[in-house]
Amino acid sequence: MTGYIIIAFMAFLKACLDAWENENYFESIFKHWNQNFWYKRESWKYAKKLWGYKFDAWHIGWTIMVFCIAALTFCEFPGSWWVKILNVGLIWNAVFNIFYHGIFKIK
């Protein structure tokens, strides 16, 4: 069960990363947030660095994604292999679409 929660969180993060990365930023709920930190095409110019690592929303989000991938190695998913693949795909697509195409979009 924990693995599916991590998958859902990763899909949420990917929706955030996609919204912060391209022109959809200006059609999202993030458009009023500080572009110098949240909008990837601007934030890289202003990001503070520590040992070459940029501290902006996009890079921090990807770092969290990598930690989630590592955490998945410790999770067990119930069911046979095809049930696992089906569940992961359904959870990922549902959560990503709910956030990216629904919650993050300004109507």
N, C-alpha and C. Protein backbone atom coordinates (compact mmCIF):
# COMPACT_ATOMS: atom_id res chain seq x y z
N MET A 1 0.82 -1.20 0.00
CA MET A 1 0.00 0.00 0.00
C MET A 1 0.86 1.26 0.00
N THR A 2 1.94 1.24 0.76
CA THR A 2 2.83 2.40 0.81
C THR A 2 3.39 2.71 -0.57
N GLY A 3 3.69 1.69 -1.34
CA GLY A 3 4.21 1.89 -2.68
C GLY A 3 3.23 2.65 -3.57
N TYR A 4 1.95 2.34 -3.45
CA TYR A 4 0.95 3.04 -4.26
C TYR A 4 0.81 4.50 -3.83
N ILE A 5 0.98 4.77 -2.56
CA ILE A 5 0.96 6.16 -2.08
C ILE A 5 2.15 6.93 -2.65
N ILE A 6 3.30 6.28 -2.67
CA ILE A 6 4.49 6.92 -3.24
C ILE A 6 4.29 7.18 -4.73
N ILE A 7 3.70 6.23 -5.44
CA ILE A 7 3.41 6.40 -6.87
C ILE A 7 2.48 7.59 -7.08
N ALA A 8 1.45 7.70 -6.25
CA ALA A 8 0.51 8.82 -6.36
C ALA A 8 1.22 10.15 -6.10
N PHE A 9 2.09 10.18 -5.09
CA PHE A 9 2.84 11.39 -4.78
C PHE A 9 3.77 11.75 -5.94
N MET A 10 4.39 10.76 -6.55
CA MET A 10 5.27 11.01 -7.69
C MET A 10 4.48 11.57 -8.88
N ALA A 11 3.29 11.07 -9.11
CA ALA A 11 2.46 11.60 -10.20
C ALA A 11 2.07 13.04 -9.91
N PHE A 12 1.76 13.36 -8.66
CA PHE A 12 1.48 14.73 -8.26
C PHE A 12 2.70 15.62 -8.53
N LEU A 13 3.88 15.15 -8.13
CA LEU A 13 5.10 15.92 -8.36
C LEU A 13 5.34 16.12 -9.85
N LYS A 14 5.11 15.10 -10.66
CA LYS A 14 5.32 15.23 -12.11
C LYS A 14 4.36 16.25 -12.70
N ALA A 15 3.13 16.29 -12.21
CA ALA A 15 2.18 17.31 -12.66
C ALA A 15 2.69 18.71 -12.30
N CYS A 16 3.24 18.84 -11.10
CA CYS A 16 3.83 20.12 -10.68
C CYS A 16 5.00 20.48 -11.59
N LEU A 17 5.91 19.54 -11.80
CA LEU A 17 7.08 19.80 -12.62
C LEU A 17 6.70 20.23 -14.03
N ASP A 18 5.71 19.56 -14.61
CA ASP A 18 5.27 19.93 -15.95
C ASP A 18 4.63 21.31 -15.97
N ALA A 19 3.90 21.65 -14.93
CA ALA A 19 3.27 22.97 -14.86
C ALA A 19 4.32 24.06 -14.65
N TRP A 20 5.38 23.77 -13.94
CA TRP A 20 6.43 24.75 -13.67
C TRP A 20 7.38 24.90 -14.85
N GLU A 21 7.39 23.94 -15.76
CA GLU A 21 8.43 23.88 -16.79
C GLU A 21 8.08 24.66 -18.06
N ASN A 22 6.85 24.66 -18.49
CA ASN A 22 6.55 25.21 -19.81
C ASN A 22 5.52 26.34 -19.74
N GLU A 23 5.01 26.73 -20.89
CA GLU A 23 4.09 27.86 -20.97
C GLU A 23 2.77 27.61 -20.22
N ASN A 24 2.48 26.37 -19.90
CA ASN A 24 1.27 26.09 -19.12
C ASN A 24 1.34 26.74 -17.74
N TYR A 25 2.53 27.14 -17.33
CA TYR A 25 2.70 27.86 -16.06
C TYR A 25 1.76 29.06 -16.01
N PHE A 26 1.61 29.75 -17.14
CA PHE A 26 0.81 30.97 -17.18
C PHE A 26 -0.68 30.70 -17.28
N GLU A 27 -1.06 29.44 -17.41
CA GLU A 27 -2.46 29.05 -17.43
C GLU A 27 -2.79 28.21 -16.19
N SER A 28 -1.89 28.22 -15.22
CA SER A 28 -2.07 27.38 -14.04
C SER A 28 -2.27 28.24 -12.79
N ILE A 29 -2.57 27.57 -11.71
CA ILE A 29 -2.74 28.27 -10.43
C ILE A 29 -1.43 28.84 -9.93
N PHE A 30 -0.33 28.48 -10.55
CA PHE A 30 0.99 28.95 -10.12
C PHE A 30 1.38 30.29 -10.75
N LYS A 31 0.60 30.79 -11.69
CA LYS A 31 1.03 31.95 -12.48
C LYS A 31 1.30 33.20 -11.64
N HIS A 32 0.73 33.29 -10.47
CA HIS A 32 0.97 34.46 -9.62
C HIS A 32 2.10 34.22 -8.62
N TRP A 33 2.66 33.04 -8.63
CA TRP A 33 3.77 32.73 -7.74
C TRP A 33 5.06 33.31 -8.33
N ASN A 34 6.04 33.54 -7.52
CA ASN A 34 7.29 34.16 -7.94
C ASN A 34 7.99 33.34 -9.03
N GLN A 35 8.06 33.89 -10.25
CA GLN A 35 8.67 33.18 -11.38
C GLN A 35 10.15 32.91 -11.15
N ASN A 36 10.80 33.72 -10.34
CA ASN A 36 12.23 33.53 -10.10
C ASN A 36 12.52 32.25 -9.32
N PHE A 37 11.49 31.63 -8.74
CA PHE A 37 11.67 30.36 -8.03
C PHE A 37 10.87 29.24 -8.68
N TRP A 38 9.66 29.53 -9.15
CA TRP A 38 8.74 28.47 -9.57
C TRP A 38 8.75 28.16 -11.06
N TYR A 39 8.99 29.13 -11.92
CA TYR A 39 8.93 28.91 -13.38
C TYR A 39 10.31 28.53 -13.88
N LYS A 40 10.45 27.30 -14.35
CA LYS A 40 11.77 26.75 -14.69
C LYS A 40 12.54 27.61 -15.69
N ARG A 41 11.86 28.17 -16.66
CA ARG A 41 12.57 28.93 -17.70
C ARG A 41 13.11 30.27 -17.19
N GLU A 42 12.69 30.68 -16.01
CA GLU A 42 13.25 31.88 -15.38
C GLU A 42 14.08 31.54 -14.15
N SER A 43 13.64 30.55 -13.41
CA SER A 43 14.25 30.27 -12.10
C SER A 43 15.71 29.86 -12.20
N TRP A 44 16.11 29.22 -13.29
CA TRP A 44 17.50 28.77 -13.40
C TRP A 44 18.46 29.96 -13.39
N LYS A 45 17.97 31.13 -13.81
CA LYS A 45 18.83 32.32 -13.83
C LYS A 45 19.09 32.86 -12.42
N TYR A 46 18.14 32.62 -11.52
CA TYR A 46 18.20 33.21 -10.19
C TYR A 46 18.45 32.20 -9.07
N ALA A 47 18.48 30.93 -9.43
CA ALA A 47 18.60 29.88 -8.41
C ALA A 47 19.94 29.97 -7.68
N LYS A 48 19.87 29.84 -6.39
CA LYS A 48 21.09 29.77 -5.60
C LYS A 48 21.70 28.39 -5.82
N LYS A 49 23.03 28.31 -5.76
CA LYS A 49 23.72 27.04 -6.00
C LYS A 49 24.51 26.64 -4.77
N LEU A 50 24.56 25.34 -4.57
CA LEU A 50 25.41 24.75 -3.55
C LEU A 50 26.06 23.53 -4.20
N TRP A 51 27.37 23.57 -4.42
CA TRP A 51 28.11 22.51 -5.09
C TRP A 51 27.50 22.17 -6.45
N GLY A 52 27.05 23.18 -7.17
CA GLY A 52 26.49 22.99 -8.49
C GLY A 52 25.01 22.65 -8.53
N TYR A 53 24.42 22.40 -7.36
CA TYR A 53 22.99 22.06 -7.29
C TYR A 53 22.19 23.35 -7.22
N LYS A 54 21.21 23.50 -8.11
CA LYS A 54 20.38 24.70 -8.14
C LYS A 54 19.17 24.53 -7.23
N PHE A 55 18.94 25.51 -6.39
CA PHE A 55 17.81 25.50 -5.48
C PHE A 55 16.66 26.32 -6.06
N ASP A 56 15.90 25.69 -6.92
CA ASP A 56 14.64 26.25 -7.40
C ASP A 56 13.60 25.13 -7.35
N ALA A 57 12.35 25.49 -7.56
CA ALA A 57 11.26 24.52 -7.40
C ALA A 57 11.44 23.30 -8.29
N TRP A 58 11.83 23.52 -9.54
CA TRP A 58 11.93 22.41 -10.48
C TRP A 58 13.01 21.42 -10.06
N HIS A 59 14.18 21.89 -9.68
CA HIS A 59 15.25 20.98 -9.29
C HIS A 59 14.97 20.29 -7.96
N ILE A 60 14.37 21.00 -7.04
CA ILE A 60 13.99 20.38 -5.77
C ILE A 60 12.93 19.30 -6.00
N GLY A 61 11.96 19.59 -6.88
CA GLY A 61 10.93 18.60 -7.20
C GLY A 61 11.52 17.34 -7.80
N TRP A 62 12.48 17.49 -8.72
CA TRP A 62 13.11 16.32 -9.32
C TRP A 62 13.93 15.54 -8.31
N THR A 63 14.55 16.23 -7.40
CA THR A 63 15.31 15.55 -6.35
C THR A 63 14.39 14.70 -5.49
N ILE A 64 13.24 15.25 -5.15
CA ILE A 64 12.26 14.48 -4.36
C ILE A 64 11.79 13.26 -5.16
N MET A 65 11.60 13.44 -6.48
CA MET A 65 11.21 12.30 -7.32
C MET A 65 12.26 11.18 -7.25
N VAL A 66 13.52 11.54 -7.31
CA VAL A 66 14.59 10.53 -7.24
C VAL A 66 14.56 9.80 -5.90
N PHE A 67 14.34 10.53 -4.82
CA PHE A 67 14.23 9.89 -3.51
C PHE A 67 13.02 8.95 -3.46
N CYS A 68 11.93 9.33 -4.11
CA CYS A 68 10.75 8.46 -4.16
C CYS A 68 11.06 7.18 -4.93
N ILE A 69 11.78 7.30 -6.03
CA ILE A 69 12.16 6.11 -6.80
C ILE A 69 13.00 5.18 -5.93
N ALA A 70 13.93 5.77 -5.19
CA ALA A 70 14.76 4.96 -4.29
C ALA A 70 13.90 4.31 -3.22
N ALA A 71 12.92 5.03 -2.69
CA ALA A 71 12.05 4.48 -1.65
C ALA A 71 11.22 3.31 -2.17
N LEU A 72 10.87 3.34 -3.45
CA LEU A 72 10.07 2.25 -4.03
C LEU A 72 10.79 0.91 -3.98
N THR A 73 12.12 0.93 -3.91
CA THR A 73 12.86 -0.33 -3.85
C THR A 73 12.58 -1.08 -2.55
N PHE A 74 12.07 -0.37 -1.55
CA PHE A 74 11.77 -0.99 -0.25
C PHE A 74 10.29 -1.35 -0.11
N CYS A 75 9.50 -1.07 -1.13
CA CYS A 75 8.05 -1.31 -1.04
C CYS A 75 7.68 -2.62 -1.73
N GLU A 76 6.66 -3.25 -1.18
CA GLU A 76 6.10 -4.44 -1.80
C GLU A 76 4.71 -4.10 -2.31
N PHE A 77 4.44 -4.52 -3.51
CA PHE A 77 3.13 -4.29 -4.11
C PHE A 77 2.37 -5.61 -4.12
N PRO A 78 1.14 -5.62 -3.61
CA PRO A 78 0.37 -6.87 -3.59
C PRO A 78 -0.12 -7.26 -4.98
N GLY A 79 -0.30 -8.54 -5.19
CA GLY A 79 -0.86 -9.04 -6.44
C GLY A 79 0.19 -9.58 -7.39
N SER A 80 -0.30 -10.12 -8.49
CA SER A 80 0.60 -10.66 -9.51
C SER A 80 1.21 -9.51 -10.32
N TRP A 81 2.17 -9.82 -11.16
CA TRP A 81 2.92 -8.78 -11.87
C TRP A 81 2.02 -7.91 -12.73
N TRP A 82 1.02 -8.51 -13.40
CA TRP A 82 0.16 -7.71 -14.27
C TRP A 82 -0.78 -6.81 -13.47
N VAL A 83 -1.18 -7.25 -12.27
CA VAL A 83 -2.01 -6.42 -11.40
C VAL A 83 -1.20 -5.22 -10.91
N LYS A 84 0.06 -5.45 -10.57
CA LYS A 84 0.94 -4.37 -10.13
C LYS A 84 1.10 -3.32 -11.23
N ILE A 85 1.38 -3.78 -12.46
CA ILE A 85 1.56 -2.85 -13.58
C ILE A 85 0.28 -2.08 -13.84
N LEU A 86 -0.84 -2.76 -13.84
CA LEU A 86 -2.13 -2.11 -14.07
C LEU A 86 -2.42 -1.08 -12.99
N ASN A 87 -2.22 -1.44 -11.73
CA ASN A 87 -2.48 -0.52 -10.63
C ASN A 87 -1.57 0.70 -10.67
N VAL A 88 -0.29 0.48 -10.90
CA VAL A 88 0.65 1.60 -10.97
C VAL A 88 0.26 2.54 -12.12
N GLY A 89 -0.05 1.99 -13.27
CA GLY A 89 -0.45 2.80 -14.42
C GLY A 89 -1.73 3.58 -14.17
N LEU A 90 -2.70 2.92 -13.58
CA LEU A 90 -3.98 3.60 -13.30
C LEU A 90 -3.79 4.71 -12.27
N ILE A 91 -3.07 4.43 -11.21
CA ILE A 91 -2.86 5.43 -10.16
C ILE A 91 -2.09 6.62 -10.72
N TRP A 92 -1.00 6.33 -11.44
CA TRP A 92 -0.17 7.42 -12.00
C TRP A 92 -1.01 8.31 -12.92
N ASN A 93 -1.69 7.70 -13.88
CA ASN A 93 -2.46 8.49 -14.85
C ASN A 93 -3.62 9.24 -14.22
N ALA A 94 -4.30 8.61 -13.28
CA ALA A 94 -5.42 9.28 -12.62
C ALA A 94 -4.94 10.49 -11.83
N VAL A 95 -3.93 10.31 -11.00
CA VAL A 95 -3.45 11.42 -10.16
C VAL A 95 -2.86 12.53 -11.03
N PHE A 96 -2.03 12.16 -12.01
CA PHE A 96 -1.43 13.17 -12.88
C PHE A 96 -2.50 13.99 -13.58
N ASN A 97 -3.47 13.33 -14.19
CA ASN A 97 -4.52 14.04 -14.94
C ASN A 97 -5.41 14.88 -14.05
N ILE A 98 -5.72 14.39 -12.86
CA ILE A 98 -6.54 15.17 -11.93
C ILE A 98 -5.84 16.48 -11.59
N PHE A 99 -4.56 16.42 -11.31
CA PHE A 99 -3.85 17.63 -10.93
C PHE A 99 -3.48 18.50 -12.14
N TYR A 100 -2.85 17.92 -13.14
CA TYR A 100 -2.34 18.72 -14.26
C TYR A 100 -3.47 19.31 -15.10
N HIS A 101 -4.45 18.50 -15.45
CA HIS A 101 -5.52 18.97 -16.32
C HIS A 101 -6.74 19.48 -15.56
N GLY A 102 -6.77 19.28 -14.25
CA GLY A 102 -7.91 19.71 -13.47
C GLY A 102 -7.57 20.78 -12.45
N ILE A 103 -6.96 20.39 -11.38
CA ILE A 103 -6.74 21.28 -10.25
C ILE A 103 -5.80 22.43 -10.58
N PHE A 104 -4.74 22.17 -11.36
CA PHE A 104 -3.77 23.22 -11.65
C PHE A 104 -4.22 24.18 -12.74
N LYS A 105 -5.22 23.85 -13.53
CA LYS A 105 -5.66 24.72 -14.62
C LYS A 105 -6.63 25.77 -14.11
N ILE A 106 -6.45 26.98 -14.64
CA ILE A 106 -7.39 28.06 -14.33
C ILE A 106 -8.48 28.01 -15.38
N LYS A 107 -9.67 27.97 -14.92
CA LYS A 107 -10.82 27.85 -15.82
C LYS A 107 -11.19 29.21 -16.39
